[in-house]
Amino acid sequence: MYILIPVAVILSILAIYLFFWAVKAEQFDDLEKQGMSILFDEEQPPKSNKERPDDEIASSTRPQKSPK
């Protein structure tokens, strides 16, 4: 009991401090943003061969020259 009560008090104080820090750091301002961000792609997917011009397709299939 002599160890358990001080440990519980210290953990409670730490939890309260972290909660107030998170509120001050505006961690709870926009709860929907991060959940919705996984639903939308930020990068454009690569174009298919039908949408790319022929010269772009030819240059992408050409082997790359290695630097000497």
N, C-alpha and C. Protein backbone atom coordinates (compact mmCIF):
# COMPACT_ATOMS: atom_id res chain seq x y z
N MET A 1 0.82 -1.20 0.00
CA MET A 1 0.00 0.00 0.00
C MET A 1 0.87 1.26 0.00
N TYR A 2 2.04 1.18 0.65
CA TYR A 2 2.91 2.34 0.73
C TYR A 2 3.48 2.71 -0.64
N ILE A 3 3.58 1.75 -1.50
CA ILE A 3 4.10 2.00 -2.85
C ILE A 3 2.95 2.26 -3.83
N LEU A 4 1.87 1.55 -3.67
CA LEU A 4 0.77 1.60 -4.62
C LEU A 4 0.08 2.97 -4.66
N ILE A 5 -0.16 3.57 -3.52
CA ILE A 5 -0.85 4.87 -3.47
C ILE A 5 0.00 5.99 -4.09
N PRO A 6 1.29 6.14 -3.73
CA PRO A 6 2.08 7.19 -4.38
C PRO A 6 2.22 7.00 -5.89
N VAL A 7 2.35 5.75 -6.34
CA VAL A 7 2.44 5.49 -7.78
C VAL A 7 1.14 5.89 -8.47
N ALA A 8 0.01 5.58 -7.87
CA ALA A 8 -1.29 5.94 -8.44
C ALA A 8 -1.45 7.46 -8.48
N VAL A 9 -1.02 8.15 -7.45
CA VAL A 9 -1.11 9.62 -7.43
C VAL A 9 -0.22 10.22 -8.51
N ILE A 10 1.00 9.72 -8.66
CA ILE A 10 1.92 10.24 -9.67
C ILE A 10 1.37 9.99 -11.07
N LEU A 11 0.84 8.81 -11.33
CA LEU A 11 0.25 8.51 -12.64
C LEU A 11 -0.98 9.37 -12.91
N SER A 12 -1.76 9.63 -11.90
CA SER A 12 -2.94 10.50 -12.08
C SER A 12 -2.52 11.93 -12.41
N ILE A 13 -1.53 12.44 -11.71
CA ILE A 13 -1.03 13.79 -11.98
C ILE A 13 -0.44 13.85 -13.39
N LEU A 14 0.30 12.84 -13.80
CA LEU A 14 0.86 12.80 -15.14
C LEU A 14 -0.23 12.76 -16.21
N ALA A 15 -1.27 11.98 -15.99
CA ALA A 15 -2.38 11.90 -16.95
C ALA A 15 -3.10 13.24 -17.07
N ILE A 16 -3.32 13.90 -15.96
CA ILE A 16 -3.99 15.21 -15.99
C ILE A 16 -3.12 16.23 -16.70
N TYR A 17 -1.81 16.22 -16.43
CA TYR A 17 -0.88 17.13 -17.10
C TYR A 17 -0.90 16.90 -18.61
N LEU A 18 -0.83 15.64 -19.05
CA LEU A 18 -0.83 15.33 -20.48
C LEU A 18 -2.15 15.73 -21.14
N PHE A 19 -3.25 15.59 -20.44
CA PHE A 19 -4.54 16.01 -20.99
C PHE A 19 -4.56 17.51 -21.22
N PHE A 20 -4.14 18.28 -20.22
CA PHE A 20 -4.14 19.74 -20.39
C PHE A 20 -3.13 20.19 -21.44
N TRP A 21 -2.00 19.48 -21.56
CA TRP A 21 -1.04 19.80 -22.62
C TRP A 21 -1.67 19.56 -23.99
N ALA A 22 -2.40 18.46 -24.16
CA ALA A 22 -3.03 18.16 -25.45
C ALA A 22 -4.09 19.19 -25.79
N VAL A 23 -4.84 19.65 -24.81
CA VAL A 23 -5.85 20.68 -25.06
C VAL A 23 -5.16 21.99 -25.44
N LYS A 24 -4.10 22.35 -24.76
CA LYS A 24 -3.38 23.59 -25.06
C LYS A 24 -2.71 23.52 -26.43
N ALA A 25 -2.25 22.35 -26.84
CA ALA A 25 -1.58 22.17 -28.13
C ALA A 25 -2.59 21.97 -29.27
N GLU A 26 -3.87 22.14 -28.97
CA GLU A 26 -4.96 22.06 -29.95
C GLU A 26 -5.05 20.69 -30.63
N GLN A 27 -4.80 19.65 -29.87
CA GLN A 27 -4.87 18.30 -30.41
C GLN A 27 -6.32 17.85 -30.63
N PHE A 28 -7.28 18.46 -29.95
CA PHE A 28 -8.66 18.03 -30.04
C PHE A 28 -9.53 18.98 -30.87
N ASP A 29 -8.92 19.92 -31.60
CA ASP A 29 -9.70 20.91 -32.34
C ASP A 29 -10.43 20.30 -33.54
N ASP A 30 -9.77 19.46 -34.31
CA ASP A 30 -10.38 18.91 -35.52
C ASP A 30 -10.25 17.39 -35.50
N LEU A 31 -11.22 16.72 -34.90
CA LEU A 31 -11.16 15.27 -34.78
C LEU A 31 -11.55 14.55 -36.07
N GLU A 32 -12.25 15.22 -36.97
CA GLU A 32 -12.71 14.58 -38.20
C GLU A 32 -11.66 14.59 -39.30
N LYS A 33 -10.74 15.54 -39.28
CA LYS A 33 -9.79 15.72 -40.38
C LYS A 33 -8.94 14.47 -40.62
N GLN A 34 -8.33 13.94 -39.58
CA GLN A 34 -7.45 12.79 -39.76
C GLN A 34 -8.21 11.54 -40.17
N GLY A 35 -9.41 11.39 -39.68
CA GLY A 35 -10.22 10.23 -40.07
C GLY A 35 -10.67 10.30 -41.52
N MET A 36 -10.91 11.50 -42.01
CA MET A 36 -11.34 11.65 -43.40
C MET A 36 -10.17 11.68 -44.37
N SER A 37 -8.97 12.00 -43.90
CA SER A 37 -7.82 12.14 -44.80
C SER A 37 -7.43 10.82 -45.45
N ILE A 38 -7.74 9.69 -44.83
CA ILE A 38 -7.38 8.41 -45.43
C ILE A 38 -8.30 8.05 -46.58
N LEU A 39 -9.41 8.74 -46.71
CA LEU A 39 -10.36 8.42 -47.77
C LEU A 39 -10.02 9.08 -49.10
N PHE A 40 -9.14 10.07 -49.10
CA PHE A 40 -8.84 10.83 -50.30
C PHE A 40 -7.37 10.71 -50.65
N ASP A 41 -7.09 10.51 -51.94
CA ASP A 41 -5.71 10.44 -52.41
C ASP A 41 -5.20 11.85 -52.65
N GLU A 42 -4.00 12.12 -52.17
CA GLU A 42 -3.39 13.42 -52.42
C GLU A 42 -2.60 13.40 -53.71
N GLU A 43 -2.05 12.25 -54.06
CA GLU A 43 -1.26 12.14 -55.28
C GLU A 43 -2.16 11.67 -56.41
N GLN A 44 -1.86 12.16 -57.62
CA GLN A 44 -2.60 11.72 -58.79
C GLN A 44 -2.06 10.35 -59.22
N PRO A 45 -2.93 9.41 -59.56
CA PRO A 45 -2.44 8.11 -60.02
C PRO A 45 -1.75 8.26 -61.37
N PRO A 46 -0.80 7.38 -61.69
CA PRO A 46 -0.13 7.49 -62.99
C PRO A 46 -1.11 7.28 -64.13
N LYS A 47 -0.85 7.97 -65.22
CA LYS A 47 -1.73 7.85 -66.38
C LYS A 47 -1.58 6.48 -67.02
N SER A 48 -2.64 5.96 -67.56
CA SER A 48 -2.54 4.70 -68.28
C SER A 48 -1.90 4.96 -69.64
N ASN A 49 -1.51 3.92 -70.33
CA ASN A 49 -0.85 4.07 -71.63
C ASN A 49 -1.77 4.72 -72.65
N LYS A 50 -3.07 4.57 -72.50
CA LYS A 50 -4.01 5.15 -73.46
C LYS A 50 -4.06 6.68 -73.33
N GLU A 51 -3.81 7.20 -72.12
CA GLU A 51 -3.91 8.63 -71.89
C GLU A 51 -2.59 9.35 -72.13
N ARG A 52 -1.45 8.62 -72.15
CA ARG A 52 -0.15 9.25 -72.34
C ARG A 52 0.17 9.38 -73.83
N PRO A 53 0.88 10.43 -74.21
CA PRO A 53 1.30 10.57 -75.60
C PRO A 53 2.32 9.49 -75.96
N ASP A 54 2.44 9.19 -77.25
CA ASP A 54 3.33 8.12 -77.70
C ASP A 54 4.79 8.39 -77.36
N ASP A 55 5.25 9.63 -77.45
CA ASP A 55 6.65 9.92 -77.15
C ASP A 55 6.96 9.71 -75.67
N GLU A 56 5.98 9.93 -74.81
CA GLU A 56 6.19 9.69 -73.38
C GLU A 56 6.28 8.20 -73.10
N ILE A 57 5.48 7.39 -73.80
CA ILE A 57 5.52 5.95 -73.63
C ILE A 57 6.86 5.42 -74.13
N ALA A 58 7.32 5.92 -75.26
CA ALA A 58 8.59 5.46 -75.82
C ALA A 58 9.75 5.81 -74.89
N SER A 59 9.74 6.99 -74.31
CA SER A 59 10.84 7.39 -73.43
C SER A 59 10.81 6.61 -72.11
N SER A 60 9.64 6.19 -71.67
CA SER A 60 9.58 5.44 -70.40
C SER A 60 10.00 3.99 -70.59
N THR A 61 9.92 3.46 -71.83
CA THR A 61 10.32 2.08 -72.06
C THR A 61 11.75 1.99 -72.54
N ARG A 62 12.37 3.10 -72.88
CA ARG A 62 13.74 3.13 -73.33
C ARG A 62 14.66 2.87 -72.12
N PRO A 63 15.71 2.03 -72.30
CA PRO A 63 16.61 1.79 -71.17
C PRO A 63 17.38 3.05 -70.81
N GLN A 64 17.62 3.23 -69.55
CA GLN A 64 18.31 4.40 -69.06
C GLN A 64 19.82 4.22 -69.23
N LYS A 65 20.52 5.29 -69.59
CA LYS A 65 21.97 5.26 -69.71
C LYS A 65 22.57 5.41 -68.33
N SER A 66 23.55 4.57 -68.03
CA SER A 66 24.20 4.68 -66.72
C SER A 66 25.32 5.72 -66.80
N PRO A 67 25.47 6.52 -65.76
CA PRO A 67 26.55 7.52 -65.78
C PRO A 67 27.90 6.85 -65.66
N LYS A 68 28.90 7.41 -66.32
CA LYS A 68 30.25 6.80 -66.29
C LYS A 68 31.13 7.49 -65.30
